[in-house]
């Protein structure tokens, strides 16, 4: 009859809201991928990201952390980014992240501590730095094929905290850094010496 609204069951409402959330997340992933590809295009750069394969397996950290970890769309983001980069003629390079967060980017030592999640302290060289910057610098080193003990500055690279360094494929086929903090308007974190 006219004027009667269709009554939805609780399951229908929950399903509709879940669909909306997944569409919103997918939209955001595409926005981020488009922005990364646009920045790589400006610098004629290769896109490097951490390979998160196996993150969820055999990694029981409790209900709350497990729930957060399992909701993160790592594979979907990697697939969208690789797809968008391919359409633009860019290369996407996944890099194994194993031990990048516990290895000191300055001296290569694993004699480090992370008493606070956001900081890493090296007991060998005295480095006290941002944990994300430490991990991303080590990922950048792996991407350019440098020994993790050698400073990233030996190839002229600078990591924009907390993002991973953008890397170019040079004319000789070698991987080269694509930007500096001045190019992207960033400064290094306090307490960290210049690379």
N, C-alpha and C. Protein backbone atom coordinates (compact mmCIF):
# COMPACT_ATOMS: atom_id res chain seq x y z
N UNK A 1 0.83 -1.19 0.00
CA UNK A 1 0.00 0.00 0.00
C UNK A 1 0.87 1.24 0.00
N UNK A 2 0.27 2.33 -0.33
CA UNK A 2 0.99 3.59 -0.43
C UNK A 2 1.36 4.08 0.96
N UNK A 3 2.59 4.58 1.10
CA UNK A 3 3.01 5.17 2.35
C UNK A 3 3.63 4.22 3.35
N UNK A 4 3.64 2.95 3.07
CA UNK A 4 4.24 2.00 4.00
C UNK A 4 5.69 1.74 3.59
N UNK A 5 6.59 1.94 4.52
CA UNK A 5 8.00 1.68 4.25
C UNK A 5 8.29 0.20 4.42
N UNK A 6 9.23 -0.27 3.62
CA UNK A 6 9.65 -1.67 3.75
C UNK A 6 10.47 -1.80 5.03
N UNK A 7 10.11 -2.72 5.87
CA UNK A 7 10.83 -2.94 7.12
C UNK A 7 12.02 -3.86 6.83
N UNK A 8 13.20 -3.40 7.23
CA UNK A 8 14.40 -4.19 7.00
C UNK A 8 14.74 -4.98 8.26
N UNK A 9 15.24 -6.16 8.04
CA UNK A 9 15.69 -6.95 9.19
C UNK A 9 17.04 -6.42 9.65
N UNK A 10 17.43 -6.76 10.86
CA UNK A 10 18.72 -6.33 11.38
C UNK A 10 19.87 -6.81 10.51
N UNK A 11 19.76 -8.02 9.98
CA UNK A 11 20.82 -8.58 9.13
C UNK A 11 20.96 -7.77 7.85
N UNK A 12 19.84 -7.31 7.28
CA UNK A 12 19.90 -6.51 6.06
C UNK A 12 20.58 -5.17 6.32
N UNK A 13 20.29 -4.56 7.45
CA UNK A 13 20.90 -3.28 7.80
C UNK A 13 22.40 -3.45 7.98
N UNK A 14 22.80 -4.48 8.70
CA UNK A 14 24.23 -4.74 8.93
C UNK A 14 24.94 -5.01 7.61
N UNK A 15 24.33 -5.79 6.73
CA UNK A 15 24.94 -6.10 5.44
C UNK A 15 25.11 -4.83 4.61
N UNK A 16 24.09 -3.96 4.62
CA UNK A 16 24.16 -2.72 3.85
C UNK A 16 25.27 -1.82 4.38
N UNK A 17 25.40 -1.70 5.70
CA UNK A 17 26.45 -0.88 6.28
C UNK A 17 27.84 -1.46 6.00
N UNK A 18 27.95 -2.78 6.03
CA UNK A 18 29.23 -3.42 5.71
C UNK A 18 29.63 -3.17 4.27
N UNK A 19 28.65 -3.22 3.36
CA UNK A 19 28.92 -2.94 1.95
C UNK A 19 29.40 -1.50 1.78
N UNK A 20 28.78 -0.58 2.49
CA UNK A 20 29.17 0.83 2.40
C UNK A 20 30.60 1.02 2.89
N UNK A 21 30.95 0.36 4.00
CA UNK A 21 32.30 0.47 4.54
C UNK A 21 33.33 -0.08 3.54
N UNK A 22 33.05 -1.22 2.93
CA UNK A 22 34.01 -1.80 1.99
C UNK A 22 34.16 -0.93 0.74
N UNK A 23 33.08 -0.30 0.29
CA UNK A 23 33.17 0.61 -0.86
C UNK A 23 34.00 1.84 -0.49
N UNK A 24 33.82 2.36 0.72
CA UNK A 24 34.57 3.52 1.17
C UNK A 24 36.06 3.20 1.28
N UNK A 25 36.39 2.05 1.85
CA UNK A 25 37.79 1.63 1.97
C UNK A 25 38.41 1.47 0.58
N UNK A 26 37.70 0.81 -0.33
CA UNK A 26 38.23 0.62 -1.68
C UNK A 26 38.45 1.96 -2.37
N UNK A 27 37.53 2.91 -2.19
CA UNK A 27 37.68 4.24 -2.78
C UNK A 27 38.95 4.91 -2.25
N UNK A 28 39.17 4.83 -0.93
CA UNK A 28 40.37 5.43 -0.34
C UNK A 28 41.65 4.77 -0.86
N UNK A 29 41.63 3.45 -1.02
CA UNK A 29 42.80 2.75 -1.55
C UNK A 29 43.13 3.24 -2.96
N UNK A 30 42.12 3.41 -3.79
CA UNK A 30 42.34 3.91 -5.15
C UNK A 30 42.86 5.34 -5.12
N UNK A 31 42.36 6.17 -4.19
CA UNK A 31 42.84 7.55 -4.08
C UNK A 31 44.33 7.57 -3.72
N UNK A 32 44.71 6.75 -2.74
CA UNK A 32 46.11 6.68 -2.31
C UNK A 32 46.99 6.17 -3.45
N UNK A 33 46.55 5.12 -4.13
CA UNK A 33 47.32 4.56 -5.25
C UNK A 33 47.50 5.59 -6.35
N UNK A 34 46.44 6.32 -6.68
CA UNK A 34 46.54 7.35 -7.72
C UNK A 34 47.54 8.43 -7.33
N UNK A 35 47.53 8.84 -6.06
CA UNK A 35 48.46 9.86 -5.59
C UNK A 35 49.91 9.35 -5.64
N UNK A 36 50.14 8.12 -5.21
CA UNK A 36 51.50 7.55 -5.26
C UNK A 36 52.01 7.45 -6.69
N UNK A 37 51.15 7.00 -7.60
CA UNK A 37 51.56 6.87 -9.01
C UNK A 37 51.83 8.25 -9.60
N UNK A 38 51.02 9.25 -9.25
CA UNK A 38 51.24 10.61 -9.75
C UNK A 38 52.59 11.15 -9.27
N UNK A 39 52.91 10.92 -7.99
CA UNK A 39 54.21 11.38 -7.46
C UNK A 39 55.37 10.64 -8.13
N UNK A 40 55.19 9.35 -8.37
CA UNK A 40 56.24 8.57 -9.04
C UNK A 40 56.42 9.07 -10.48
N UNK A 41 55.32 9.43 -11.14
CA UNK A 41 55.39 9.94 -12.51
C UNK A 41 56.17 11.25 -12.55
N UNK A 42 55.91 12.15 -11.58
CA UNK A 42 56.62 13.44 -11.52
C UNK A 42 58.13 13.24 -11.41
N UNK A 43 58.55 12.18 -10.74
CA UNK A 43 59.98 11.94 -10.49
C UNK A 43 60.56 10.83 -11.37
N UNK A 44 59.73 10.28 -12.28
CA UNK A 44 60.14 9.15 -13.11
C UNK A 44 60.72 8.04 -12.22
N UNK A 45 59.94 7.66 -11.20
CA UNK A 45 60.43 6.77 -10.15
C UNK A 45 59.80 5.39 -10.20
N UNK A 46 60.52 4.44 -9.61
CA UNK A 46 60.00 3.10 -9.37
C UNK A 46 59.34 3.14 -7.99
N UNK A 47 58.22 2.44 -7.82
CA UNK A 47 57.51 2.42 -6.53
C UNK A 47 57.97 1.19 -5.74
N UNK A 48 58.41 1.42 -4.51
CA UNK A 48 58.89 0.34 -3.64
C UNK A 48 57.98 0.27 -2.42
N UNK A 49 57.56 -0.94 -2.06
CA UNK A 49 56.74 -1.10 -0.86
C UNK A 49 57.09 -2.39 -0.16
N UNK A 50 56.79 -2.45 1.13
CA UNK A 50 57.08 -3.64 1.93
C UNK A 50 56.16 -4.78 1.58
N UNK A 51 56.72 -5.96 1.41
CA UNK A 51 55.95 -7.17 1.11
C UNK A 51 55.43 -7.73 2.42
N UNK A 52 54.12 -7.72 2.59
CA UNK A 52 53.50 -8.14 3.85
C UNK A 52 53.03 -9.60 3.82
N UNK A 53 53.52 -10.39 2.86
CA UNK A 53 53.12 -11.78 2.76
C UNK A 53 53.39 -12.51 4.07
N UNK A 54 52.42 -13.24 4.54
CA UNK A 54 52.58 -14.04 5.75
C UNK A 54 52.38 -13.28 7.04
N UNK A 55 51.97 -12.02 6.97
CA UNK A 55 51.80 -11.20 8.17
C UNK A 55 50.78 -11.80 9.13
N UNK A 56 49.71 -12.37 8.59
CA UNK A 56 48.61 -12.83 9.43
C UNK A 56 48.77 -14.27 9.90
N UNK A 57 49.67 -15.03 9.30
CA UNK A 57 49.79 -16.44 9.64
C UNK A 57 50.65 -16.63 10.89
N UNK A 58 50.20 -17.51 11.77
CA UNK A 58 50.97 -17.87 12.96
C UNK A 58 51.40 -16.64 13.76
N UNK A 59 50.52 -15.68 13.88
CA UNK A 59 50.88 -14.43 14.53
C UNK A 59 49.78 -14.01 15.50
N UNK A 60 49.51 -14.84 16.50
CA UNK A 60 48.44 -14.57 17.44
C UNK A 60 48.91 -13.56 18.48
N UNK A 61 48.38 -12.36 18.40
CA UNK A 61 48.75 -11.28 19.31
C UNK A 61 47.60 -10.86 20.22
N UNK A 62 46.57 -11.66 20.28
CA UNK A 62 45.41 -11.31 21.08
C UNK A 62 44.27 -10.82 20.20
N UNK A 63 43.08 -10.86 20.74
CA UNK A 63 41.88 -10.57 19.96
C UNK A 63 41.89 -9.17 19.33
N UNK A 64 42.23 -8.14 20.11
CA UNK A 64 42.19 -6.77 19.61
C UNK A 64 43.19 -6.56 18.46
N UNK A 65 44.45 -6.94 18.66
CA UNK A 65 45.48 -6.76 17.64
C UNK A 65 45.19 -7.63 16.42
N UNK A 66 44.78 -8.88 16.65
CA UNK A 66 44.43 -9.75 15.52
C UNK A 66 43.33 -9.14 14.68
N UNK A 67 42.31 -8.58 15.33
CA UNK A 67 41.19 -7.96 14.62
C UNK A 67 41.68 -6.80 13.76
N UNK A 68 42.53 -5.95 14.32
CA UNK A 68 43.08 -4.81 13.57
C UNK A 68 43.92 -5.30 12.39
N UNK A 69 44.77 -6.29 12.64
CA UNK A 69 45.66 -6.81 11.60
C UNK A 69 44.88 -7.42 10.45
N UNK A 70 43.86 -8.19 10.77
CA UNK A 70 43.11 -8.88 9.73
C UNK A 70 42.21 -7.95 8.93
N UNK A 71 41.93 -6.77 9.44
CA UNK A 71 41.10 -5.81 8.70
C UNK A 71 41.92 -4.93 7.77
N UNK A 72 43.25 -4.93 7.92
CA UNK A 72 44.08 -4.08 7.07
C UNK A 72 44.18 -4.70 5.67
N UNK A 73 43.82 -3.93 4.64
CA UNK A 73 43.78 -4.49 3.28
C UNK A 73 45.14 -4.41 2.56
N UNK A 74 46.17 -5.06 3.11
CA UNK A 74 47.51 -5.00 2.52
C UNK A 74 47.52 -5.52 1.08
N UNK A 75 47.00 -6.72 0.88
CA UNK A 75 47.05 -7.33 -0.45
C UNK A 75 46.25 -6.52 -1.45
N UNK A 76 45.10 -6.03 -1.03
CA UNK A 76 44.27 -5.22 -1.94
C UNK A 76 45.02 -3.94 -2.33
N UNK A 77 45.67 -3.29 -1.36
CA UNK A 77 46.43 -2.07 -1.66
C UNK A 77 47.58 -2.37 -2.60
N UNK A 78 48.30 -3.46 -2.36
CA UNK A 78 49.42 -3.83 -3.24
C UNK A 78 48.92 -4.12 -4.65
N UNK A 79 47.80 -4.83 -4.76
CA UNK A 79 47.25 -5.15 -6.08
C UNK A 79 46.80 -3.89 -6.82
N UNK A 80 46.10 -3.00 -6.13
CA UNK A 80 45.63 -1.76 -6.76
C UNK A 80 46.82 -0.90 -7.18
N UNK A 81 47.81 -0.77 -6.30
CA UNK A 81 48.99 0.04 -6.59
C UNK A 81 49.76 -0.53 -7.78
N UNK A 82 49.96 -1.84 -7.79
CA UNK A 82 50.67 -2.48 -8.90
C UNK A 82 49.90 -2.29 -10.21
N UNK A 83 48.59 -2.46 -10.16
CA UNK A 83 47.74 -2.28 -11.34
C UNK A 83 47.82 -0.85 -11.87
N UNK A 84 47.66 0.14 -10.99
CA UNK A 84 47.71 1.54 -11.41
C UNK A 84 49.09 1.92 -11.94
N UNK A 85 50.13 1.42 -11.28
CA UNK A 85 51.49 1.70 -11.74
C UNK A 85 51.74 1.09 -13.11
N UNK A 86 51.25 -0.13 -13.32
CA UNK A 86 51.41 -0.80 -14.62
C UNK A 86 50.71 -0.01 -15.72
N UNK A 87 49.51 0.50 -15.44
CA UNK A 87 48.80 1.31 -16.43
C UNK A 87 49.59 2.56 -16.81
N UNK A 88 50.36 3.07 -15.85
CA UNK A 88 51.14 4.28 -16.06
C UNK A 88 52.55 3.98 -16.57
N UNK A 89 52.88 2.70 -16.73
CA UNK A 89 54.22 2.33 -17.19
C UNK A 89 55.26 2.35 -16.09
N UNK A 90 54.85 2.33 -14.85
CA UNK A 90 55.76 2.35 -13.70
C UNK A 90 56.01 0.94 -13.21
N UNK A 91 57.12 0.76 -12.55
CA UNK A 91 57.45 -0.53 -11.95
C UNK A 91 57.15 -0.48 -10.46
N UNK A 92 56.57 -1.55 -9.92
CA UNK A 92 56.32 -1.70 -8.48
C UNK A 92 57.20 -2.82 -7.97
N UNK A 93 57.98 -2.55 -6.93
CA UNK A 93 58.90 -3.55 -6.40
C UNK A 93 58.54 -3.86 -4.94
N UNK A 94 58.03 -5.08 -4.67
CA UNK A 94 57.83 -5.45 -3.27
C UNK A 94 59.16 -5.88 -2.66
N UNK A 95 59.41 -5.46 -1.43
CA UNK A 95 60.67 -5.76 -0.74
C UNK A 95 60.35 -6.47 0.57
N UNK A 96 61.05 -7.58 0.84
CA UNK A 96 60.85 -8.31 2.09
C UNK A 96 61.17 -7.40 3.27
N UNK A 97 60.29 -7.38 4.26
CA UNK A 97 60.46 -6.50 5.41
C UNK A 97 61.15 -7.16 6.59
N UNK A 98 61.49 -8.42 6.47
CA UNK A 98 62.02 -9.18 7.61
C UNK A 98 63.20 -8.46 8.25
N UNK A 99 63.11 -8.20 9.54
CA UNK A 99 64.15 -7.57 10.37
C UNK A 99 64.46 -6.12 10.03
N UNK A 100 63.68 -5.46 9.18
CA UNK A 100 63.98 -4.06 8.86
C UNK A 100 63.70 -3.14 10.03
N UNK A 101 62.75 -3.50 10.88
CA UNK A 101 62.43 -2.60 12.00
C UNK A 101 63.36 -2.78 13.19
N UNK A 102 64.04 -3.92 13.29
CA UNK A 102 64.94 -4.15 14.42
C UNK A 102 66.41 -3.98 14.05
N UNK A 103 66.69 -3.69 12.79
CA UNK A 103 68.06 -3.48 12.33
C UNK A 103 68.33 -1.98 12.28
N UNK A 104 69.40 -1.54 12.91
CA UNK A 104 69.77 -0.12 12.90
C UNK A 104 70.15 0.29 11.48
N UNK A 105 69.54 1.36 10.98
CA UNK A 105 69.84 1.79 9.62
C UNK A 105 71.24 2.38 9.52
N UNK A 106 71.78 2.90 10.63
CA UNK A 106 73.08 3.56 10.57
C UNK A 106 74.24 2.56 10.58
N UNK A 107 74.22 1.59 11.52
CA UNK A 107 75.37 0.68 11.65
C UNK A 107 75.05 -0.76 11.28
N UNK A 108 73.78 -1.10 11.07
CA UNK A 108 73.41 -2.45 10.67
C UNK A 108 73.27 -3.43 11.82
N UNK A 109 73.45 -2.96 13.05
CA UNK A 109 73.36 -3.84 14.22
C UNK A 109 71.91 -4.19 14.53
N UNK A 110 71.73 -5.41 15.07
CA UNK A 110 70.40 -5.79 15.55
C UNK A 110 70.34 -5.72 17.07
N UNK A 111 71.34 -5.10 17.66
CA UNK A 111 71.38 -4.89 19.11
C UNK A 111 70.59 -3.61 19.41
N UNK A 112 69.28 -3.67 19.13
CA UNK A 112 68.41 -2.51 19.29
C UNK A 112 67.27 -2.83 20.24
N UNK A 113 66.62 -1.79 20.73
CA UNK A 113 65.42 -2.00 21.55
C UNK A 113 64.33 -1.05 21.07
N UNK A 114 63.09 -1.50 21.27
CA UNK A 114 61.93 -0.69 20.90
C UNK A 114 61.00 -0.65 22.10
N UNK A 115 61.47 0.02 23.17
CA UNK A 115 60.66 0.11 24.39
C UNK A 115 59.36 0.84 24.12
N UNK A 116 59.41 1.85 23.27
CA UNK A 116 58.22 2.56 22.81
C UNK A 116 58.10 2.22 21.33
N UNK A 117 56.91 1.83 20.89
CA UNK A 117 56.74 1.35 19.52
C UNK A 117 57.25 2.34 18.47
N UNK A 118 57.08 3.63 18.70
CA UNK A 118 57.46 4.62 17.71
C UNK A 118 58.94 4.96 17.67
N UNK A 119 59.74 4.42 18.58
CA UNK A 119 61.17 4.75 18.65
C UNK A 119 62.02 3.49 18.56
N UNK A 120 63.21 3.63 18.01
CA UNK A 120 64.18 2.54 18.00
C UNK A 120 65.49 3.09 18.55
N UNK A 121 66.11 2.34 19.44
CA UNK A 121 67.39 2.73 20.04
C UNK A 121 68.42 1.67 19.73
N UNK A 122 69.56 2.09 19.17
CA UNK A 122 70.66 1.17 18.89
C UNK A 122 71.66 1.25 20.04
N UNK A 123 71.99 0.11 20.62
CA UNK A 123 72.91 0.07 21.75
C UNK A 123 74.37 0.08 21.29
N UNK A 124 74.62 -0.10 19.99
CA UNK A 124 75.99 -0.09 19.48
C UNK A 124 76.44 1.30 19.06
N UNK A 125 75.62 2.01 18.27
CA UNK A 125 76.05 3.33 17.77
C UNK A 125 75.32 4.49 18.44
N UNK A 126 74.33 4.20 19.30
CA UNK A 126 73.64 5.26 20.04
C UNK A 126 72.49 5.91 19.30
N UNK A 127 72.11 5.39 18.16
CA UNK A 127 70.99 5.95 17.40
C UNK A 127 69.71 5.90 18.22
N UNK A 128 68.98 7.00 18.26
CA UNK A 128 67.65 7.08 18.87
C UNK A 128 66.78 7.76 17.83
N UNK A 129 65.95 6.99 17.13
CA UNK A 129 65.26 7.53 15.97
C UNK A 129 63.83 7.00 15.87
N UNK A 130 63.08 7.55 14.95
CA UNK A 130 61.71 7.12 14.68
C UNK A 130 61.72 5.71 14.12
N UNK A 131 60.87 4.84 14.66
CA UNK A 131 60.83 3.44 14.24
C UNK A 131 60.41 3.26 12.79
N UNK A 132 59.42 4.06 12.33
CA UNK A 132 58.98 3.95 10.93
C UNK A 132 60.08 4.39 9.98
N UNK A 133 60.79 5.45 10.35
CA UNK A 133 61.89 5.93 9.51
C UNK A 133 62.99 4.87 9.43
N UNK A 134 63.30 4.24 10.56
CA UNK A 134 64.31 3.19 10.59
C UNK A 134 63.94 2.06 9.64
N UNK A 135 62.70 1.56 9.75
CA UNK A 135 62.26 0.46 8.89
C UNK A 135 62.22 0.85 7.42
N UNK A 136 61.71 2.05 7.12
CA UNK A 136 61.60 2.47 5.72
C UNK A 136 62.98 2.72 5.11
N UNK A 137 63.93 3.20 5.90
CA UNK A 137 65.29 3.39 5.40
C UNK A 137 65.90 2.04 5.03
N UNK A 138 65.69 1.04 5.87
CA UNK A 138 66.21 -0.30 5.58
C UNK A 138 65.53 -0.91 4.37
N UNK A 139 64.23 -0.68 4.19
CA UNK A 139 63.53 -1.16 2.99
C UNK A 139 64.11 -0.47 1.76
N UNK A 140 64.37 0.84 1.88
CA UNK A 140 64.99 1.58 0.77
C UNK A 140 66.35 1.02 0.41
N UNK A 141 67.15 0.67 1.43
CA UNK A 141 68.47 0.07 1.18
C UNK A 141 68.33 -1.24 0.43
N UNK A 142 67.37 -2.05 0.84
CA UNK A 142 67.17 -3.33 0.14
C UNK A 142 66.74 -3.10 -1.30
N UNK A 143 65.93 -2.08 -1.53
CA UNK A 143 65.44 -1.81 -2.88
C UNK A 143 66.57 -1.40 -3.81
N UNK A 144 67.53 -0.63 -3.30
CA UNK A 144 68.65 -0.21 -4.15
C UNK A 144 69.77 -1.24 -4.15
N UNK A 145 69.56 -2.35 -3.42
CA UNK A 145 70.52 -3.45 -3.46
C UNK A 145 71.77 -3.20 -2.66
N UNK A 146 71.71 -2.30 -1.70
CA UNK A 146 72.89 -2.01 -0.89
C UNK A 146 72.91 -2.91 0.33
N UNK A 147 74.12 -3.21 0.78
CA UNK A 147 74.29 -3.95 2.02
C UNK A 147 73.66 -3.14 3.14
N UNK A 148 72.91 -3.78 4.00
CA UNK A 148 72.17 -3.06 5.03
C UNK A 148 73.09 -2.34 6.01
N UNK A 149 74.39 -2.70 6.06
CA UNK A 149 75.31 -2.02 6.97
C UNK A 149 75.80 -0.69 6.42
N UNK A 150 75.78 -0.50 5.10
CA UNK A 150 76.31 0.74 4.56
C UNK A 150 75.26 1.84 4.67
N UNK A 151 75.68 3.07 4.99
CA UNK A 151 74.71 4.17 5.12
C UNK A 151 74.01 4.44 3.79
N UNK A 152 72.74 4.78 3.87
CA UNK A 152 71.96 5.07 2.67
C UNK A 152 72.50 6.31 1.97
N UNK A 153 73.19 7.18 2.73
CA UNK A 153 73.73 8.39 2.13
C UNK A 153 74.83 8.09 1.12
N UNK A 154 75.36 6.85 1.12
CA UNK A 154 76.39 6.51 0.13
C UNK A 154 75.83 6.51 -1.28
N UNK A 155 74.50 6.40 -1.41
CA UNK A 155 73.88 6.49 -2.73
C UNK A 155 73.12 7.80 -2.87
N UNK A 156 73.28 8.70 -1.88
CA UNK A 156 72.65 10.01 -1.96
C UNK A 156 71.17 10.01 -1.63
N UNK A 157 70.67 8.98 -0.99
CA UNK A 157 69.24 8.88 -0.72
C UNK A 157 68.88 9.55 0.59
N UNK A 158 67.66 10.04 0.65
CA UNK A 158 67.10 10.62 1.87
C UNK A 158 65.72 10.05 2.04
N UNK A 159 65.39 9.62 3.26
CA UNK A 159 64.07 9.06 3.53
C UNK A 159 63.19 10.14 4.11
N UNK A 160 62.02 10.35 3.49
CA UNK A 160 61.05 11.29 4.02
C UNK A 160 60.23 10.57 5.06
N UNK A 161 60.33 10.99 6.29
CA UNK A 161 59.70 10.29 7.41
C UNK A 161 58.20 10.49 7.37
N UNK A 162 57.36 9.48 7.58
CA UNK A 162 57.69 8.08 7.73
C UNK A 162 57.57 7.31 6.43
N UNK A 163 57.57 7.98 5.29
CA UNK A 163 57.38 7.30 4.02
C UNK A 163 58.68 6.65 3.56
N UNK A 164 58.54 5.64 2.70
CA UNK A 164 59.69 4.98 2.12
C UNK A 164 60.26 5.85 1.01
N UNK A 165 61.57 5.85 0.86
CA UNK A 165 62.24 6.63 -0.17
C UNK A 165 61.77 6.22 -1.56
N UNK A 166 61.49 7.20 -2.40
CA UNK A 166 61.14 6.95 -3.79
C UNK A 166 62.45 6.72 -4.54
N UNK A 167 62.49 5.71 -5.41
CA UNK A 167 63.72 5.33 -6.09
C UNK A 167 63.51 5.35 -7.60
N UNK A 168 64.51 5.87 -8.34
CA UNK A 168 64.48 5.91 -9.80
C UNK A 168 65.31 4.78 -10.38
N UNK A 169 64.94 4.33 -11.57
CA UNK A 169 65.81 3.43 -12.31
C UNK A 169 66.62 4.33 -13.23
N UNK A 170 67.93 4.42 -12.99
CA UNK A 170 68.79 5.33 -13.73
C UNK A 170 69.05 4.86 -15.15
N UNK A 171 69.75 5.70 -15.91
CA UNK A 171 70.05 5.39 -17.30
C UNK A 171 70.96 4.18 -17.44
N UNK A 172 71.78 3.90 -16.42
CA UNK A 172 72.66 2.74 -16.46
C UNK A 172 72.00 1.49 -15.88
N UNK A 173 70.71 1.56 -15.56
CA UNK A 173 69.99 0.41 -15.02
C UNK A 173 70.07 0.27 -13.52
N UNK A 174 70.90 1.10 -12.86
CA UNK A 174 71.04 1.07 -11.40
C UNK A 174 69.87 1.81 -10.76
N UNK A 175 69.51 1.39 -9.54
CA UNK A 175 68.47 2.09 -8.79
C UNK A 175 69.10 3.33 -8.15
N UNK A 176 68.43 4.49 -8.27
CA UNK A 176 68.94 5.74 -7.73
C UNK A 176 67.84 6.45 -6.94
N UNK A 177 68.22 7.24 -5.91
CA UNK A 177 67.20 7.98 -5.16
C UNK A 177 66.55 9.05 -6.03
N UNK A 178 65.26 9.32 -5.75
CA UNK A 178 64.53 10.25 -6.60
C UNK A 178 64.24 11.59 -5.94
N UNK A 179 64.33 11.68 -4.63
CA UNK A 179 63.97 12.95 -4.01
C UNK A 179 64.76 13.19 -2.73
N UNK A 180 64.69 14.42 -2.28
CA UNK A 180 65.31 14.81 -1.03
C UNK A 180 64.24 15.47 -0.17
N UNK A 181 64.47 15.67 1.13
CA UNK A 181 63.45 16.31 1.96
C UNK A 181 63.04 17.68 1.43
N UNK A 182 64.00 18.41 0.84
CA UNK A 182 63.68 19.73 0.32
C UNK A 182 62.68 19.63 -0.84
N UNK A 183 62.80 18.57 -1.67
CA UNK A 183 61.89 18.39 -2.81
C UNK A 183 60.46 18.22 -2.36
N UNK A 184 60.26 17.55 -1.25
CA UNK A 184 58.90 17.25 -0.79
C UNK A 184 58.49 18.09 0.41
N UNK A 185 59.32 19.07 0.81
CA UNK A 185 58.98 19.97 1.89
C UNK A 185 58.99 19.34 3.27
N UNK A 186 59.85 18.36 3.51
CA UNK A 186 59.90 17.68 4.80
C UNK A 186 61.24 17.92 5.48
N UNK A 187 61.26 17.75 6.78
CA UNK A 187 62.51 17.80 7.53
C UNK A 187 62.68 16.50 8.28
N UNK A 188 63.90 16.17 8.62
CA UNK A 188 64.17 14.95 9.37
C UNK A 188 63.68 15.11 10.80
N UNK A 189 63.37 13.98 11.45
CA UNK A 189 62.85 14.01 12.82
C UNK A 189 63.92 14.54 13.77
N UNK A 190 63.45 15.12 14.87
CA UNK A 190 64.39 15.60 15.88
C UNK A 190 65.15 14.42 16.47
N UNK A 191 66.39 14.64 16.80
CA UNK A 191 67.18 13.61 17.43
C UNK A 191 67.84 12.67 16.43
N UNK A 192 67.52 12.80 15.15
CA UNK A 192 68.16 11.92 14.18
C UNK A 192 69.16 12.72 13.37
N UNK A 193 70.38 12.25 13.29
CA UNK A 193 71.37 12.96 12.50
C UNK A 193 71.04 12.85 11.02
N UNK A 194 71.51 13.80 10.25
CA UNK A 194 71.26 13.79 8.81
C UNK A 194 71.93 12.57 8.20
N UNK A 195 71.27 11.95 7.23
CA UNK A 195 71.79 10.73 6.59
C UNK A 195 73.10 10.99 5.90
